[in-house]
Each structure stands twice: as C-alpha cells, then as structure tokens.
Amino acid sequence: MKETRIATRYAKALFELSIEQKSQEQTHLDMILVHTVCQENKDFRLLLSSPIINSDKKQHIMKSLFEGKLGKLSLAFLNIIAAKRRENFIDPIAEQFLVLYKEYKGIISAYLTTASEADDQIRNSVKDLVRVFTKKDVDLVEEIKGEIIGGFILRFGQYQFDDSIRKKIMKLKREFNINVYEKGF
C-alpha cells in the first residue's frame, strides 16, 4: 500500500512536470526503458533495493547506465529519487507513470490470453471490439497460456470475457457433479 502511494505521488509529479516542459512523449519513452531495464535485470533491482550500497554509488551506476539514453528531465528525476533514498521505488514509479500517460492519452490496455499465438486479423478484431465498447484507443497485450486449451480470455478495465475451452470443461464438470438421480424410481 505504502509503495503504491509513494510511486503514484512521484509518478504524478514527473508526469505534471513533463507536461509543463512539453516533454511527455520523451519522458514516456524514457519510463518504458527504465521499466524494461528493471523488469529484465534482476541484479539491477537488487542493487536499487540494497541498503548496503550507498546512494552516491547507486547514482553513479544509474548515470553510467542511462546517460545518453534518457532525456534530461528523466535523468534528473532519477538522480533526485536516488538522492532522496527512494531508488527502490524507481520501477513502480515508472510503471505508474505509464498508467498516467495512458489515461492522459485515452488509451486502455486490453489483455488477450490464448492457447496459441493470435494472427493479425484476430488482433484487429479484438482491438475494434474493445474500441467500440470503450470509445478509447486500445493497447493490446497478448499472453499465451496452453492450459486454457483453446478459445480466449479477454480482459479490459473491469470486464472479463472468458470463452476458453478450460472454462467450458470446468462448467461441464460442475454440472456432472450434481447428482440428479433419485432413489426409488
């Protein structure tokens, strides 16, 4: 709870500053990079959360890692976060920034889970369906899970549509477990 609140506050401050300086597109790309680095590099996450490594060393590592790849605003923001000893919140801040950016641009994330990779026609159909339903642009995130056997699961906003074979099998199993046999016939 505390992590989310802190990340939201810092992300909101960065977002408002990026709007003020008319650099929200660059900052958006920067936060995608920061979030990707944090997600894909376990050692970097451990470095950020380590209480043994001092703040100056973390600032130097972040500067050498991101200098030339991030805009001035994003780099300065990361330095401030490290100076305030909040560097373990960098990934949640970047993630919250991306959420705020999507809200600002009117983009909704839709999550499509399938048993095998979907083709372009299915992707476009799903995007069109969600776009018509929500009146927003759609960012489609795909996930492949073999355990759903077939069909798909579509989630966006507070809605979920599950048309997977696994769900249908589970429904049949529940129906078969109901004993309709009456003794004495």
C-alpha atoms as a PDB file:
ATOM      1  CA  MET A   1       0.000   0.000   0.000  1.00  0.00           C
ATOM      2  CA  LYS A   2       2.760   2.409   1.005  1.00  0.00           C
ATOM      3  CA  GLU A   3       4.788   1.551  -2.121  1.00  0.00           C
ATOM      4  CA  THR A   4       1.833   2.279  -4.404  1.00  0.00           C
ATOM      5  CA  ARG A   5       1.103   5.602  -2.752  1.00  0.00           C
ATOM      6  CA  ILE A   6       4.716   6.741  -2.948  1.00  0.00           C
ATOM      7  CA  ALA A   7       5.071   5.572  -6.560  1.00  0.00           C
ATOM      8  CA  THR A   8       1.839   7.302  -7.547  1.00  0.00           C
ATOM      9  CA  ARG A   9       2.891  10.608  -5.998  1.00  0.00           C
ATOM     10  CA  TYR A  10       6.306  10.639  -7.634  1.00  0.00           C
ATOM     11  CA  ALA A  11       4.904   9.476 -10.988  1.00  0.00           C
ATOM     12  CA  LYS A  12       2.255  12.193 -10.866  1.00  0.00           C
ATOM     13  CA  ALA A  13       4.897  14.819 -10.114  1.00  0.00           C
ATOM     14  CA  LEU A  14       7.053  13.619 -13.015  1.00  0.00           C
ATOM     15  CA  PHE A  15       4.063  13.491 -15.339  1.00  0.00           C
ATOM     16  CA  GLU A  16       2.937  17.021 -14.474  1.00  0.00           C
ATOM     17  CA  LEU A  17       6.479  18.299 -14.893  1.00  0.00           C
ATOM     18  CA  SER A  18       6.775  16.585 -18.279  1.00  0.00           C
ATOM     19  CA  ILE A  19       3.524  18.243 -19.406  1.00  0.00           C
ATOM     20  CA  GLU A  20       4.746  21.601 -18.143  1.00  0.00           C
ATOM     21  CA  GLN A  21       8.005  21.214 -20.082  1.00  0.00           C
ATOM     22  CA  LYS A  22       6.204  19.713 -23.107  1.00  0.00           C
ATOM     23  CA  SER A  23       8.312  16.572 -22.984  1.00  0.00           C
ATOM     24  CA  GLN A  24       5.734  13.921 -22.091  1.00  0.00           C
ATOM     25  CA  GLU A  25       6.463  11.864 -25.232  1.00  0.00           C
ATOM     26  CA  GLN A  26      10.188  11.718 -24.489  1.00  0.00           C
ATOM     27  CA  THR A  27       9.551  11.018 -20.802  1.00  0.00           C
ATOM     28  CA  HIS A  28       7.083   8.290 -21.777  1.00  0.00           C
ATOM     29  CA  LEU A  29       9.759   6.567 -23.881  1.00  0.00           C
ATOM     30  CA  ASP A  30      12.256   7.025 -21.044  1.00  0.00           C
ATOM     31  CA  MET A  31       9.953   5.402 -18.497  1.00  0.00           C
ATOM     32  CA  ILE A  32       9.338   2.479 -20.858  1.00  0.00           C
ATOM     33  CA  LEU A  33      13.112   1.979 -20.991  1.00  0.00           C
ATOM     34  CA  VAL A  34      13.534   2.295 -17.214  1.00  0.00           C
ATOM     35  CA  HIS A  35      10.651  -0.120 -16.562  1.00  0.00           C
ATOM     36  CA  THR A  36      12.037  -2.610 -19.091  1.00  0.00           C
ATOM     37  CA  VAL A  37      15.515  -2.480 -17.559  1.00  0.00           C
ATOM     38  CA  CYS A  38      14.084  -3.012 -14.083  1.00  0.00           C
ATOM     39  CA  GLN A  39      11.888  -5.915 -15.188  1.00  0.00           C
ATOM     40  CA  GLU A  40      14.547  -7.710 -17.211  1.00  0.00           C
ATOM     41  CA  ASN A  41      17.541  -7.223 -14.920  1.00  0.00           C
ATOM     42  CA  LYS A  42      17.269  -8.832 -11.506  1.00  0.00           C
ATOM     43  CA  ASP A  43      20.732  -7.623 -10.474  1.00  0.00           C
ATOM     44  CA  PHE A  44      19.740  -4.012 -11.145  1.00  0.00           C
ATOM     45  CA  ARG A  45      16.609  -4.409  -8.985  1.00  0.00           C
ATOM     46  CA  LEU A  46      18.709  -5.939  -6.193  1.00  0.00           C
ATOM     47  CA  LEU A  47      21.186  -3.063  -6.479  1.00  0.00           C
ATOM     48  CA  LEU A  48      18.397  -0.497  -6.142  1.00  0.00           C
ATOM     49  CA  SER A  49      16.895  -2.171  -3.080  1.00  0.00           C
ATOM     50  CA  SER A  50      20.199  -2.886  -1.332  1.00  0.00           C
ATOM     51  CA  PRO A  51      20.685  -0.912   1.894  1.00  0.00           C
ATOM     52  CA  ILE A  52      24.406  -1.749   1.880  1.00  0.00           C
ATOM     53  CA  ILE A  53      25.238   0.189  -1.294  1.00  0.00           C
ATOM     54  CA  ASN A  54      25.231   3.920  -0.614  1.00  0.00           C
ATOM     55  CA  SER A  55      23.151   6.401  -2.548  1.00  0.00           C
ATOM     56  CA  ASP A  56      26.118   8.043  -4.298  1.00  0.00           C
ATOM     57  CA  LYS A  57      27.244   4.725  -5.759  1.00  0.00           C
ATOM     58  CA  LYS A  58      23.697   3.995  -6.979  1.00  0.00           C
ATOM     59  CA  GLN A  59      23.515   7.454  -8.591  1.00  0.00           C
ATOM     60  CA  HIS A  60      26.824   6.854 -10.351  1.00  0.00           C
ATOM     61  CA  ILE A  61      25.671   3.447 -11.646  1.00  0.00           C
ATOM     62  CA  MET A  62      22.350   4.843 -12.865  1.00  0.00           C
ATOM     63  CA  LYS A  63      24.121   7.759 -14.548  1.00  0.00           C
ATOM     64  CA  SER A  64      26.539   5.463 -16.368  1.00  0.00           C
ATOM     65  CA  LEU A  65      23.695   3.124 -17.339  1.00  0.00           C
ATOM     66  CA  PHE A  66      21.156   5.696 -18.546  1.00  0.00           C
ATOM     67  CA  GLU A  67      23.203   8.742 -19.619  1.00  0.00           C
ATOM     68  CA  GLY A  68      22.715   9.361 -23.313  1.00  0.00           C
ATOM     69  CA  LYS A  69      19.690   7.072 -23.408  1.00  0.00           C
ATOM     70  CA  LEU A  70      17.275   9.167 -21.325  1.00  0.00           C
ATOM     71  CA  GLY A  71      16.156  12.743 -21.693  1.00  0.00           C
ATOM     72  CA  LYS A  72      17.398  15.449 -19.345  1.00  0.00           C
ATOM     73  CA  LEU A  73      14.191  15.509 -17.324  1.00  0.00           C
ATOM     74  CA  SER A  74      14.118  11.765 -16.733  1.00  0.00           C
ATOM     75  CA  LEU A  75      17.798  11.589 -15.849  1.00  0.00           C
ATOM     76  CA  ALA A  76      17.479  14.496 -13.416  1.00  0.00           C
ATOM     77  CA  PHE A  77      14.391  12.861 -11.910  1.00  0.00           C
ATOM     78  CA  LEU A  78      16.244   9.579 -11.333  1.00  0.00           C
ATOM     79  CA  ASN A  79      19.078  11.492  -9.653  1.00  0.00           C
ATOM     80  CA  ILE A  80      16.627  13.235  -7.339  1.00  0.00           C
ATOM     81  CA  ILE A  81      14.959   9.920  -6.479  1.00  0.00           C
ATOM     82  CA  ALA A  82      18.339   8.399  -5.638  1.00  0.00           C
ATOM     83  CA  ALA A  83      19.380  11.447  -3.622  1.00  0.00           C
ATOM     84  CA  LYS A  84      16.164  11.147  -1.584  1.00  0.00           C
ATOM     85  CA  ARG A  85      16.997   7.444  -0.998  1.00  0.00           C
ATOM     86  CA  ARG A  86      13.861   6.294  -2.851  1.00  0.00           C
ATOM     87  CA  GLU A  87      15.696   4.387  -5.567  1.00  0.00           C
ATOM     88  CA  ASN A  88      13.930   1.108  -4.724  1.00  0.00           C
ATOM     89  CA  PHE A  89      10.722   2.796  -5.955  1.00  0.00           C
ATOM     90  CA  ILE A  90      12.070   3.561  -9.449  1.00  0.00           C
ATOM     91  CA  ASP A  91      10.329   0.613 -11.137  1.00  0.00           C
ATOM     92  CA  PRO A  92       6.906   1.239  -9.533  1.00  0.00           C
ATOM     93  CA  ILE A  93       7.238   4.951 -10.339  1.00  0.00           C
ATOM     94  CA  ALA A  94       7.976   4.172 -13.993  1.00  0.00           C
ATOM     95  CA  GLU A  95       5.034   1.762 -14.088  1.00  0.00           C
ATOM     96  CA  GLN A  96       2.676   4.341 -12.559  1.00  0.00           C
ATOM     97  CA  PHE A  97       3.932   6.973 -14.998  1.00  0.00           C
ATOM     98  CA  LEU A  98       2.973   4.684 -17.883  1.00  0.00           C
ATOM     99  CA  VAL A  99      -0.515   4.255 -16.382  1.00  0.00           C
ATOM    100  CA  LEU A 100      -0.927   8.033 -16.056  1.00  0.00           C
ATOM    101  CA  TYR A 101       0.290   8.535 -19.625  1.00  0.00           C
ATOM    102  CA  LYS A 102      -2.251   6.042 -20.973  1.00  0.00           C
ATOM    103  CA  GLU A 103      -5.065   7.729 -19.039  1.00  0.00           C
ATOM    104  CA  TYR A 104      -3.982  11.135 -20.353  1.00  0.00           C
ATOM    105  CA  LYS A 105      -3.880   9.894 -23.953  1.00  0.00           C
ATOM    106  CA  GLY A 106      -7.173   7.980 -23.669  1.00  0.00           C
ATOM    107  CA  ILE A 107      -5.615   4.556 -24.125  1.00  0.00           C
ATOM    108  CA  ILE A 108      -6.949   1.423 -22.447  1.00  0.00           C
ATOM    109  CA  SER A 109      -4.993  -1.799 -22.035  1.00  0.00           C
ATOM    110  CA  ALA A 110      -6.730  -4.970 -23.152  1.00  0.00           C
ATOM    111  CA  TYR A 111      -5.253  -8.339 -22.223  1.00  0.00           C
ATOM    112  CA  LEU A 112      -5.847 -11.219 -24.621  1.00  0.00           C
ATOM    113  CA  THR A 113      -4.950 -14.707 -23.410  1.00  0.00           C
ATOM    114  CA  THR A 114      -4.950 -17.501 -25.976  1.00  0.00           C
ATOM    115  CA  ALA A 115      -3.674 -21.077 -26.195  1.00  0.00           C
ATOM    116  CA  SER A 116      -1.600 -20.272 -29.296  1.00  0.00           C
ATOM    117  CA  GLU A 117      -0.418 -17.109 -30.991  1.00  0.00           C
ATOM    118  CA  ALA A 118      -3.207 -14.985 -32.481  1.00  0.00           C
ATOM    119  CA  ASP A 119      -2.944 -13.722 -36.050  1.00  0.00           C
ATOM    120  CA  ASP A 120      -3.304 -10.091 -37.163  1.00  0.00           C
ATOM    121  CA  GLN A 121      -6.964 -10.489 -38.118  1.00  0.00           C
ATOM    122  CA  ILE A 122      -7.888 -11.642 -34.598  1.00  0.00           C
ATOM    123  CA  ARG A 123      -5.811  -8.869 -33.023  1.00  0.00           C
ATOM    124  CA  ASN A 124      -7.510  -6.229 -35.139  1.00  0.00           C
ATOM    125  CA  SER A 125     -10.969  -7.689 -34.408  1.00  0.00           C
ATOM    126  CA  VAL A 126     -10.311  -7.632 -30.662  1.00  0.00           C
ATOM    127  CA  LYS A 127      -8.973  -4.066 -30.815  1.00  0.00           C
ATOM    128  CA  ASP A 128     -12.007  -2.938 -32.808  1.00  0.00           C
ATOM    129  CA  LEU A 129     -14.386  -4.646 -30.384  1.00  0.00           C
ATOM    130  CA  VAL A 130     -12.780  -3.031 -27.326  1.00  0.00           C
ATOM    131  CA  ARG A 131     -12.549   0.344 -29.117  1.00  0.00           C
ATOM    132  CA  VAL A 132     -16.278   0.277 -29.902  1.00  0.00           C
ATOM    133  CA  PHE A 133     -17.136  -0.745 -26.333  1.00  0.00           C
ATOM    134  CA  THR A 134     -14.890   1.772 -24.535  1.00  0.00           C
ATOM    135  CA  LYS A 135     -14.553   4.603 -27.090  1.00  0.00           C
ATOM    136  CA  LYS A 136     -10.790   4.651 -26.364  1.00  0.00           C
ATOM    137  CA  ASP A 137      -7.664   3.643 -28.212  1.00  0.00           C
ATOM    138  CA  VAL A 138      -6.537   0.124 -27.376  1.00  0.00           C
ATOM    139  CA  ASP A 139      -3.141  -1.175 -26.303  1.00  0.00           C
ATOM    140  CA  LEU A 140      -3.402  -4.949 -26.778  1.00  0.00           C
ATOM    141  CA  VAL A 141      -1.235  -7.111 -24.529  1.00  0.00           C
ATOM    142  CA  GLU A 142      -1.107 -10.734 -25.563  1.00  0.00           C
ATOM    143  CA  GLU A 143      -0.330 -13.743 -23.421  1.00  0.00           C
ATOM    144  CA  ILE A 144      -0.119 -17.375 -24.463  1.00  0.00           C
ATOM    145  CA  LYS A 145      -1.205 -19.992 -21.919  1.00  0.00           C
ATOM    146  CA  GLY A 146      -1.528 -23.568 -23.081  1.00  0.00           C
ATOM    147  CA  GLU A 147      -3.623 -24.562 -20.066  1.00  0.00           C
ATOM    148  CA  ILE A 148      -6.707 -22.789 -21.428  1.00  0.00           C
ATOM    149  CA  ILE A 149      -6.641 -25.469 -24.186  1.00  0.00           C
ATOM    150  CA  GLY A 150      -8.419 -23.294 -26.773  1.00  0.00           C
ATOM    151  CA  GLY A 151     -10.581 -20.208 -27.144  1.00  0.00           C
ATOM    152  CA  PHE A 152      -9.562 -16.959 -25.456  1.00  0.00           C
ATOM    153  CA  ILE A 153      -9.852 -14.780 -22.384  1.00  0.00           C
ATOM    154  CA  LEU A 154     -10.229 -11.031 -22.906  1.00  0.00           C
ATOM    155  CA  ARG A 155      -9.799  -8.557 -20.032  1.00  0.00           C
ATOM    156  CA  PHE A 156     -10.043  -4.765 -20.133  1.00  0.00           C
ATOM    157  CA  GLY A 157     -10.988  -2.280 -17.473  1.00  0.00           C
ATOM    158  CA  GLN A 158     -13.251  -4.079 -15.021  1.00  0.00           C
ATOM    159  CA  TYR A 159     -14.542  -6.535 -17.615  1.00  0.00           C
ATOM    160  CA  GLN A 160     -13.509 -10.086 -18.413  1.00  0.00           C
ATOM    161  CA  PHE A 161     -14.867 -12.352 -21.123  1.00  0.00           C
ATOM    162  CA  ASP A 162     -13.782 -15.975 -20.758  1.00  0.00           C
ATOM    163  CA  ASP A 163     -14.579 -18.148 -23.771  1.00  0.00           C
ATOM    164  CA  SER A 164     -11.879 -20.743 -23.158  1.00  0.00           C
ATOM    165  CA  ILE A 165     -12.247 -24.492 -23.539  1.00  0.00           C
ATOM    166  CA  ARG A 166     -10.910 -24.904 -19.998  1.00  0.00           C
ATOM    167  CA  LYS A 167     -13.815 -22.878 -18.586  1.00  0.00           C
ATOM    168  CA  LYS A 168     -16.329 -24.906 -20.585  1.00  0.00           C
ATOM    169  CA  ILE A 169     -14.820 -28.168 -19.314  1.00  0.00           C
ATOM    170  CA  MET A 170     -14.947 -26.898 -15.717  1.00  0.00           C
ATOM    171  CA  LYS A 171     -18.606 -25.934 -16.201  1.00  0.00           C
ATOM    172  CA  LEU A 172     -19.422 -29.423 -17.526  1.00  0.00           C
ATOM    173  CA  LYS A 173     -17.560 -30.978 -14.608  1.00  0.00           C
ATOM    174  CA  ARG A 174     -19.645 -28.963 -12.112  1.00  0.00           C
ATOM    175  CA  GLU A 175     -22.845 -29.975 -13.900  1.00  0.00           C
ATOM    176  CA  PHE A 176     -21.887 -33.661 -13.839  1.00  0.00           C
ATOM    177  CA  ASN A 177     -21.129 -33.458 -10.125  1.00  0.00           C
ATOM    178  CA  ILE A 178     -24.730 -32.551  -9.419  1.00  0.00           C
ATOM    179  CA  ASN A 179     -26.442 -35.861  -8.698  1.00  0.00           C
ATOM    180  CA  VAL A 180     -29.900 -35.792 -10.286  1.00  0.00           C
ATOM    181  CA  TYR A 181     -30.521 -39.484  -9.561  1.00  0.00           C
ATOM    182  CA  GLU A 182     -33.444 -40.051  -7.211  1.00  0.00           C
ATOM    183  CA  LYS A 183     -33.652 -43.270  -5.296  1.00  0.00           C
ATOM    184  CA  GLY A 184     -36.880 -45.249  -5.542  1.00  0.00           C
ATOM    185  CA  PHE A 185     -37.702 -44.881  -9.178  1.00  0.00           C
END
